[in-house]
Amino acid sequence: MELNAVDFIKTLGVTFAALFPIVNPLGCAPIFFGLTRNYPQSAQRVLAHKIAAYGFVLLIVSSLFGSEILAFFGISLFVVQIAGGLVVAITGWNLLNQPADDSSQKVQPGTLEDALQHAFFPLTLPLTVGPGGISVAITLGAHLRYQAGPGFEHGYPRHFIAAAGGMLLVCFLVVVCYGNAARLVWILGQSGTSILTRLSAFILLAIGIQILWTGLSVGIPQMLGPAAH
């Protein structure tokens, strides 16, 4: 199916609407700051750009080749959800139970090179683009293939470019929110930041448990299905 301007904008908007609530850059900004607060703002801004770049690549690769990669390694999507949900839930739990004056759980001061070691894990995966975002990207990729019709000559590249635009917009907001996390914390003050960080950590814990539960609810019937017959 050929892609006109209206369909292009619609595909971009649907992609953005599907990914933005899951990536949730505004809600994750206080958590990002809590994990990087002992680094200077310049390092935090560099990290924000790195995380956005890594996240964009993850989303693109997942939408293009996610299903094939999982099939190659013999990994089911529900296994990714279970493992990723556990990591997300543990991260949220640790942040939720971290005393405000306890620096033992915080990233230790260091150089920019030290800070960049945390850029991919855990700040990009699973904090920013976790199993939920990857699952959505894989689903979007499959939907785009169906929507465009068989063969790349039927407009799939234009559909994918539109979806990539939505992903890029989400990652741009990651740069904006993470790069200005310190300013957000300053505006909120110590008490407001503590409340927002705890609330965000609780939501992160709930998201992790929800992802884990989704993986279990899909995976257990699949594993027990053959035995039940």
C-alpha atoms as a PDB file:
ATOM      1  CA  MET A   1       0.000   0.000   0.000  1.00  0.00           C
ATOM      2  CA  GLU A   2       1.389   3.385  -1.029  1.00  0.00           C
ATOM      3  CA  LEU A   3       1.889   5.900   1.761  1.00  0.00           C
ATOM      4  CA  ASN A   4       0.524   9.417   1.279  1.00  0.00           C
ATOM      5  CA  ALA A   5       1.206  12.412   3.506  1.00  0.00           C
ATOM      6  CA  VAL A   6      -1.796  11.776   5.756  1.00  0.00           C
ATOM      7  CA  ASP A   7      -0.862   8.120   6.268  1.00  0.00           C
ATOM      8  CA  PHE A   8       2.758   9.138   6.902  1.00  0.00           C
ATOM      9  CA  ILE A   9       1.723  11.494   9.704  1.00  0.00           C
ATOM     10  CA  LYS A  10      -0.722   8.908  11.043  1.00  0.00           C
ATOM     11  CA  THR A  11       1.956   6.195  11.172  1.00  0.00           C
ATOM     12  CA  LEU A  12       4.375   8.600  12.859  1.00  0.00           C
ATOM     13  CA  GLY A  13       1.722   9.605  15.391  1.00  0.00           C
ATOM     14  CA  VAL A  14       0.662   6.044  16.168  1.00  0.00           C
ATOM     15  CA  THR A  15       4.293   5.045  16.741  1.00  0.00           C
ATOM     16  CA  PHE A  16       4.868   8.008  19.045  1.00  0.00           C
ATOM     17  CA  ALA A  17       1.623   7.398  20.951  1.00  0.00           C
ATOM     18  CA  ALA A  18       2.473   3.719  21.444  1.00  0.00           C
ATOM     19  CA  LEU A  19       6.032   4.285  22.663  1.00  0.00           C
ATOM     20  CA  PHE A  20       5.880   7.524  24.652  1.00  0.00           C
ATOM     21  CA  PRO A  21       3.875   6.207  27.646  1.00  0.00           C
ATOM     22  CA  ILE A  22       6.157   3.171  27.916  1.00  0.00           C
ATOM     23  CA  VAL A  23       9.473   4.995  27.530  1.00  0.00           C
ATOM     24  CA  ASN A  24       8.059   7.784  29.749  1.00  0.00           C
ATOM     25  CA  PRO A  25      11.058  10.157  29.630  1.00  0.00           C
ATOM     26  CA  LEU A  26       9.477  12.696  31.988  1.00  0.00           C
ATOM     27  CA  GLY A  27       8.666  10.095  34.638  1.00  0.00           C
ATOM     28  CA  CYS A  28      12.080   8.449  34.343  1.00  0.00           C
ATOM     29  CA  ALA A  29      13.999  11.743  34.555  1.00  0.00           C
ATOM     30  CA  PRO A  30      14.061  11.783  38.408  1.00  0.00           C
ATOM     31  CA  ILE A  31      15.253   8.168  38.409  1.00  0.00           C
ATOM     32  CA  PHE A  32      17.955   9.064  35.887  1.00  0.00           C
ATOM     33  CA  PHE A  33      19.034  11.924  38.136  1.00  0.00           C
ATOM     34  CA  GLY A  34      19.029   9.675  41.207  1.00  0.00           C
ATOM     35  CA  LEU A  35      21.338   7.210  39.469  1.00  0.00           C
ATOM     36  CA  THR A  36      23.694   9.896  38.108  1.00  0.00           C
ATOM     37  CA  ARG A  37      23.479  12.661  40.713  1.00  0.00           C
ATOM     38  CA  ASN A  38      27.162  12.364  41.679  1.00  0.00           C
ATOM     39  CA  TYR A  39      28.222  13.188  38.134  1.00  0.00           C
ATOM     40  CA  PRO A  40      28.452  16.783  36.869  1.00  0.00           C
ATOM     41  CA  GLN A  41      25.674  18.187  34.717  1.00  0.00           C
ATOM     42  CA  SER A  42      27.916  18.118  31.654  1.00  0.00           C
ATOM     43  CA  ALA A  43      28.324  14.350  32.043  1.00  0.00           C
ATOM     44  CA  GLN A  44      24.577  13.962  32.595  1.00  0.00           C
ATOM     45  CA  ARG A  45      23.874  15.785  29.327  1.00  0.00           C
ATOM     46  CA  VAL A  46      26.335  13.590  27.438  1.00  0.00           C
ATOM     47  CA  LEU A  47      24.698  10.543  29.005  1.00  0.00           C
ATOM     48  CA  ALA A  48      21.274  11.824  27.933  1.00  0.00           C
ATOM     49  CA  HIS A  49      22.415  12.001  24.301  1.00  0.00           C
ATOM     50  CA  LYS A  50      24.057   8.570  24.511  1.00  0.00           C
ATOM     51  CA  ILE A  51      20.956   6.996  26.061  1.00  0.00           C
ATOM     52  CA  ALA A  52      18.739   8.527  23.385  1.00  0.00           C
ATOM     53  CA  ALA A  53      21.056   7.265  20.628  1.00  0.00           C
ATOM     54  CA  TYR A  54      21.258   3.769  22.108  1.00  0.00           C
ATOM     55  CA  GLY A  55      17.503   3.744  22.642  1.00  0.00           C
ATOM     56  CA  PHE A  56      16.817   4.780  19.058  1.00  0.00           C
ATOM     57  CA  VAL A  57      19.079   2.023  17.727  1.00  0.00           C
ATOM     58  CA  LEU A  58      17.386  -0.521  20.010  1.00  0.00           C
ATOM     59  CA  LEU A  59      13.941   0.485  18.788  1.00  0.00           C
ATOM     60  CA  ILE A  60      14.979   0.469  15.125  1.00  0.00           C
ATOM     61  CA  VAL A  61      16.702  -2.914  15.350  1.00  0.00           C
ATOM     62  CA  SER A  62      13.797  -4.379  17.328  1.00  0.00           C
ATOM     63  CA  SER A  63      11.230  -3.224  14.792  1.00  0.00           C
ATOM     64  CA  LEU A  64      13.287  -4.414  11.815  1.00  0.00           C
ATOM     65  CA  PHE A  65      14.808  -7.649  13.062  1.00  0.00           C
ATOM     66  CA  GLY A  66      13.406  -8.295  16.552  1.00  0.00           C
ATOM     67  CA  SER A  67      11.331 -11.324  15.630  1.00  0.00           C
ATOM     68  CA  GLU A  68      14.150 -12.837  13.581  1.00  0.00           C
ATOM     69  CA  ILE A  69      16.764 -12.270  16.319  1.00  0.00           C
ATOM     70  CA  LEU A  70      14.586 -13.925  18.966  1.00  0.00           C
ATOM     71  CA  ALA A  71      13.881 -16.853  16.634  1.00  0.00           C
ATOM     72  CA  PHE A  72      17.603 -17.253  15.819  1.00  0.00           C
ATOM     73  CA  PHE A  73      18.539 -17.612  19.489  1.00  0.00           C
ATOM     74  CA  GLY A  74      15.457 -19.665  20.275  1.00  0.00           C
ATOM     75  CA  ILE A  75      14.194 -17.045  22.722  1.00  0.00           C
ATOM     76  CA  SER A  76      10.489 -16.411  23.098  1.00  0.00           C
ATOM     77  CA  LEU A  77       9.184 -12.900  23.568  1.00  0.00           C
ATOM     78  CA  PHE A  78       7.625 -13.873  26.900  1.00  0.00           C
ATOM     79  CA  VAL A  79      11.087 -14.891  28.180  1.00  0.00           C
ATOM     80  CA  VAL A  80      12.386 -11.410  27.325  1.00  0.00           C
ATOM     81  CA  GLN A  81       9.409  -9.953  29.191  1.00  0.00           C
ATOM     82  CA  ILE A  82      10.050 -12.128  32.255  1.00  0.00           C
ATOM     83  CA  ALA A  83      13.783 -11.359  32.419  1.00  0.00           C
ATOM     84  CA  GLY A  84      13.347  -7.670  31.645  1.00  0.00           C
ATOM     85  CA  GLY A  85      10.446  -7.343  34.057  1.00  0.00           C
ATOM     86  CA  LEU A  86      12.598  -8.762  36.839  1.00  0.00           C
ATOM     87  CA  VAL A  87      15.409  -6.272  36.156  1.00  0.00           C
ATOM     88  CA  VAL A  88      12.999  -3.326  35.985  1.00  0.00           C
ATOM     89  CA  ALA A  89      11.215  -4.404  39.181  1.00  0.00           C
ATOM     90  CA  ILE A  90      14.494  -4.860  41.075  1.00  0.00           C
ATOM     91  CA  THR A  91      15.702  -1.424  39.940  1.00  0.00           C
ATOM     92  CA  GLY A  92      12.457   0.166  41.115  1.00  0.00           C
ATOM     93  CA  TRP A  93      12.575  -1.707  44.431  1.00  0.00           C
ATOM     94  CA  ASN A  94      16.163  -0.622  45.133  1.00  0.00           C
ATOM     95  CA  LEU A  95      15.356   3.011  44.361  1.00  0.00           C
ATOM     96  CA  LEU A  96      12.172   2.873  46.426  1.00  0.00           C
ATOM     97  CA  ASN A  97      14.042   1.600  49.491  1.00  0.00           C
ATOM     98  CA  GLN A  98      17.131   3.772  49.124  1.00  0.00           C
ATOM     99  CA  PRO A  99      17.490   6.177  52.085  1.00  0.00           C
ATOM    100  CA  ALA A 100      17.691   9.806  51.013  1.00  0.00           C
ATOM    101  CA  ASP A 101      21.052  10.286  52.739  1.00  0.00           C
ATOM    102  CA  ASP A 102      22.558   6.938  51.716  1.00  0.00           C
ATOM    103  CA  SER A 103      25.203   7.331  49.019  1.00  0.00           C
ATOM    104  CA  SER A 104      26.145   3.656  48.953  1.00  0.00           C
ATOM    105  CA  GLN A 105      23.607   2.918  46.236  1.00  0.00           C
ATOM    106  CA  LYS A 106      24.466   5.942  44.116  1.00  0.00           C
ATOM    107  CA  VAL A 107      26.874   6.093  41.229  1.00  0.00           C
ATOM    108  CA  GLN A 108      30.265   7.037  42.601  1.00  0.00           C
ATOM    109  CA  PRO A 109      31.959  10.218  41.365  1.00  0.00           C
ATOM    110  CA  GLY A 110      34.242   9.694  38.423  1.00  0.00           C
ATOM    111  CA  THR A 111      35.215  10.802  34.972  1.00  0.00           C
ATOM    112  CA  LEU A 112      32.982  11.046  31.939  1.00  0.00           C
ATOM    113  CA  GLU A 113      34.389   7.709  30.802  1.00  0.00           C
ATOM    114  CA  ASP A 114      33.197   6.159  34.062  1.00  0.00           C
ATOM    115  CA  ALA A 115      29.742   7.657  33.574  1.00  0.00           C
ATOM    116  CA  LEU A 116      29.498   6.342  30.013  1.00  0.00           C
ATOM    117  CA  GLN A 117      29.959   2.794  31.308  1.00  0.00           C
ATOM    118  CA  HIS A 118      26.408   3.075  32.660  1.00  0.00           C
ATOM    119  CA  ALA A 119      24.956   4.561  29.462  1.00  0.00           C
ATOM    120  CA  PHE A 120      23.735   1.327  27.904  1.00  0.00           C
ATOM    121  CA  PHE A 121      23.075  -0.750  31.024  1.00  0.00           C
ATOM    122  CA  PRO A 122      21.112   0.015  33.089  1.00  0.00           C
ATOM    123  CA  LEU A 123      20.248   3.538  31.899  1.00  0.00           C
ATOM    124  CA  THR A 124      19.190   2.632  28.352  1.00  0.00           C
ATOM    125  CA  LEU A 125      18.284  -1.011  28.853  1.00  0.00           C
ATOM    126  CA  PRO A 126      16.086  -1.628  30.779  1.00  0.00           C
ATOM    127  CA  LEU A 127      15.386   1.784  32.388  1.00  0.00           C
ATOM    128  CA  THR A 128      14.567   3.769  29.240  1.00  0.00           C
ATOM    129  CA  VAL A 129      13.924   1.220  26.497  1.00  0.00           C
ATOM    130  CA  GLY A 130      13.006  -1.927  28.392  1.00  0.00           C
ATOM    131  CA  PRO A 131      11.167  -5.093  27.424  1.00  0.00           C
ATOM    132  CA  GLY A 132       7.939  -3.138  27.087  1.00  0.00           C
ATOM    133  CA  GLY A 133       9.412  -0.762  24.525  1.00  0.00           C
ATOM    134  CA  ILE A 134      11.129  -3.609  22.684  1.00  0.00           C
ATOM    135  CA  SER A 135       7.886  -5.588  22.566  1.00  0.00           C
ATOM    136  CA  VAL A 136       6.021  -2.589  21.167  1.00  0.00           C
ATOM    137  CA  ALA A 137       8.746  -2.012  18.563  1.00  0.00           C
ATOM    138  CA  ILE A 138       8.611  -5.654  17.447  1.00  0.00           C
ATOM    139  CA  THR A 139       4.825  -5.482  17.221  1.00  0.00           C
ATOM    140  CA  LEU A 140       4.969  -2.228  15.256  1.00  0.00           C
ATOM    141  CA  GLY A 141       7.478  -3.745  12.852  1.00  0.00           C
ATOM    142  CA  ALA A 142       5.213  -6.708  12.176  1.00  0.00           C
ATOM    143  CA  HIS A 143       2.212  -4.395  11.759  1.00  0.00           C
ATOM    144  CA  LEU A 144       4.083  -2.207   9.273  1.00  0.00           C
ATOM    145  CA  ARG A 145       4.936  -5.233   7.134  1.00  0.00           C
ATOM    146  CA  TYR A 146       1.286  -6.257   7.129  1.00  0.00           C
ATOM    147  CA  GLN A 147       0.085  -2.726   6.448  1.00  0.00           C
ATOM    148  CA  ALA A 148       2.488  -2.125   3.552  1.00  0.00           C
ATOM    149  CA  GLY A 149       1.725  -5.416   1.847  1.00  0.00           C
ATOM    150  CA  PRO A 150       4.067  -8.161   0.643  1.00  0.00           C
ATOM    151  CA  GLY A 151       7.458  -7.070  -0.596  1.00  0.00           C
ATOM    152  CA  PHE A 152       9.494  -3.950   0.022  1.00  0.00           C
ATOM    153  CA  GLU A 153       8.363  -2.534  -3.314  1.00  0.00           C
ATOM    154  CA  HIS A 154       4.859  -1.925  -1.917  1.00  0.00           C
ATOM    155  CA  GLY A 155       5.825   1.017   0.269  1.00  0.00           C
ATOM    156  CA  TYR A 156       7.309  -0.654   3.349  1.00  0.00           C
ATOM    157  CA  PRO A 157      10.376   1.650   3.378  1.00  0.00           C
ATOM    158  CA  ARG A 158       8.133   4.731   3.540  1.00  0.00           C
ATOM    159  CA  HIS A 159       6.037   3.158   6.302  1.00  0.00           C
ATOM    160  CA  PHE A 160       9.191   2.370   8.234  1.00  0.00           C
ATOM    161  CA  ILE A 161      10.611   5.878   7.782  1.00  0.00           C
ATOM    162  CA  ALA A 162       7.382   7.270   9.227  1.00  0.00           C
ATOM    163  CA  ALA A 163       7.615   4.915  12.220  1.00  0.00           C
ATOM    164  CA  ALA A 164      11.292   5.805  12.664  1.00  0.00           C
ATOM    165  CA  GLY A 165      10.239   9.454  12.839  1.00  0.00           C
ATOM    166  CA  GLY A 166       7.963   8.631  15.771  1.00  0.00           C
ATOM    167  CA  MET A 167      10.788   6.752  17.495  1.00  0.00           C
ATOM    168  CA  LEU A 168      13.157   9.666  16.887  1.00  0.00           C
ATOM    169  CA  LEU A 169      10.674  12.089  18.437  1.00  0.00           C
ATOM    170  CA  VAL A 170      10.409   9.943  21.577  1.00  0.00           C
ATOM    171  CA  CYS A 171      14.205   9.761  21.847  1.00  0.00           C
ATOM    172  CA  PHE A 172      14.456  13.534  21.367  1.00  0.00           C
ATOM    173  CA  LEU A 173      12.208  13.953  24.403  1.00  0.00           C
ATOM    174  CA  VAL A 174      14.549  11.612  26.297  1.00  0.00           C
ATOM    175  CA  VAL A 175      17.385  14.056  25.574  1.00  0.00           C
ATOM    176  CA  VAL A 176      15.260  17.007  26.712  1.00  0.00           C
ATOM    177  CA  CYS A 177      13.983  15.384  29.922  1.00  0.00           C
ATOM    178  CA  TYR A 178      17.187  13.607  30.977  1.00  0.00           C
ATOM    179  CA  GLY A 179      19.405  16.513  29.965  1.00  0.00           C
ATOM    180  CA  ASN A 180      17.349  18.858  32.143  1.00  0.00           C
ATOM    181  CA  ALA A 181      16.788  16.428  35.019  1.00  0.00           C
ATOM    182  CA  ALA A 182      18.980  18.502  37.355  1.00  0.00           C
ATOM    183  CA  ARG A 183      16.970  21.632  36.525  1.00  0.00           C
ATOM    184  CA  LEU A 184      13.736  19.758  37.180  1.00  0.00           C
ATOM    185  CA  VAL A 185      15.089  18.639  40.548  1.00  0.00           C
ATOM    186  CA  TRP A 186      16.121  22.206  41.381  1.00  0.00           C
ATOM    187  CA  ILE A 187      12.630  23.483  40.548  1.00  0.00           C
ATOM    188  CA  LEU A 188      10.961  20.801  42.653  1.00  0.00           C
ATOM    189  CA  GLY A 189      13.292  21.241  45.613  1.00  0.00           C
ATOM    190  CA  GLN A 190      14.552  18.507  47.935  1.00  0.00           C
ATOM    191  CA  SER A 191      11.140  17.456  49.249  1.00  0.00           C
ATOM    192  CA  GLY A 192       9.440  17.575  45.861  1.00  0.00           C
ATOM    193  CA  THR A 193      12.272  15.645  44.247  1.00  0.00           C
ATOM    194  CA  SER A 194      12.146  12.993  46.958  1.00  0.00           C
ATOM    195  CA  ILE A 195       8.388  12.591  46.498  1.00  0.00           C
ATOM    196  CA  LEU A 196       8.614  12.442  42.697  1.00  0.00           C
ATOM    197  CA  THR A 197      11.567  10.044  42.790  1.00  0.00           C
ATOM    198  CA  ARG A 198       9.776   7.683  45.186  1.00  0.00           C
ATOM    199  CA  LEU A 199       6.604   7.881  43.130  1.00  0.00           C
ATOM    200  CA  SER A 200       8.523   7.220  39.911  1.00  0.00           C
ATOM    201  CA  ALA A 201      10.351   4.324  41.574  1.00  0.00           C
ATOM    202  CA  PHE A 202       7.048   2.822  42.701  1.00  0.00           C
ATOM    203  CA  ILE A 203       5.615   3.168  39.198  1.00  0.00           C
ATOM    204  CA  LEU A 204       8.794   1.577  37.812  1.00  0.00           C
ATOM    205  CA  LEU A 205       8.378  -1.315  40.253  1.00  0.00           C
ATOM    206  CA  ALA A 206       4.738  -1.718  39.196  1.00  0.00           C
ATOM    207  CA  ILE A 207       5.679  -1.620  35.506  1.00  0.00           C
ATOM    208  CA  GLY A 208       8.331  -4.283  36.072  1.00  0.00           C
ATOM    209  CA  ILE A 209       5.866  -6.553  37.868  1.00  0.00           C
ATOM    210  CA  GLN A 210       3.268  -5.968  35.132  1.00  0.00           C
ATOM    211  CA  ILE A 211       5.790  -6.883  32.415  1.00  0.00           C
ATOM    212  CA  LEU A 212       6.836  -9.943  34.422  1.00  0.00           C
ATOM    213  CA  TRP A 213       3.203 -10.972  34.917  1.00  0.00           C
ATOM    214  CA  THR A 214       2.449 -10.503  31.228  1.00  0.00           C
ATOM    215  CA  GLY A 215       5.375 -12.745  30.332  1.00  0.00           C
ATOM    216  CA  LEU A 216       4.280 -15.391  32.824  1.00  0.00           C
ATOM    217  CA  SER A 217       0.623 -15.262  31.767  1.00  0.00           C
ATOM    218  CA  VAL A 218       1.632 -15.853  28.150  1.00  0.00           C
ATOM    219  CA  GLY A 219       4.519 -18.222  28.783  1.00  0.00           C
ATOM    220  CA  ILE A 220       2.969 -20.638  31.282  1.00  0.00           C
ATOM    221  CA  PRO A 221      -0.001 -21.592  29.046  1.00  0.00           C
ATOM    222  CA  GLN A 222       2.398 -22.055  26.130  1.00  0.00           C
ATOM    223  CA  MET A 223       4.623 -24.355  28.178  1.00  0.00           C
ATOM    224  CA  LEU A 224       1.705 -26.304  29.658  1.00  0.00           C
ATOM    225  CA  GLY A 225      -0.294 -26.370  26.435  1.00  0.00           C
ATOM    226  CA  PRO A 226       1.361 -29.436  24.844  1.00  0.00           C
ATOM    227  CA  ALA A 227       1.203 -31.343  28.138  1.00  0.00           C
ATOM    228  CA  ALA A 228      -2.494 -30.586  28.521  1.00  0.00           C
ATOM    229  CA  HIS A 229      -3.390 -32.268  25.253  1.00  0.00           C
END
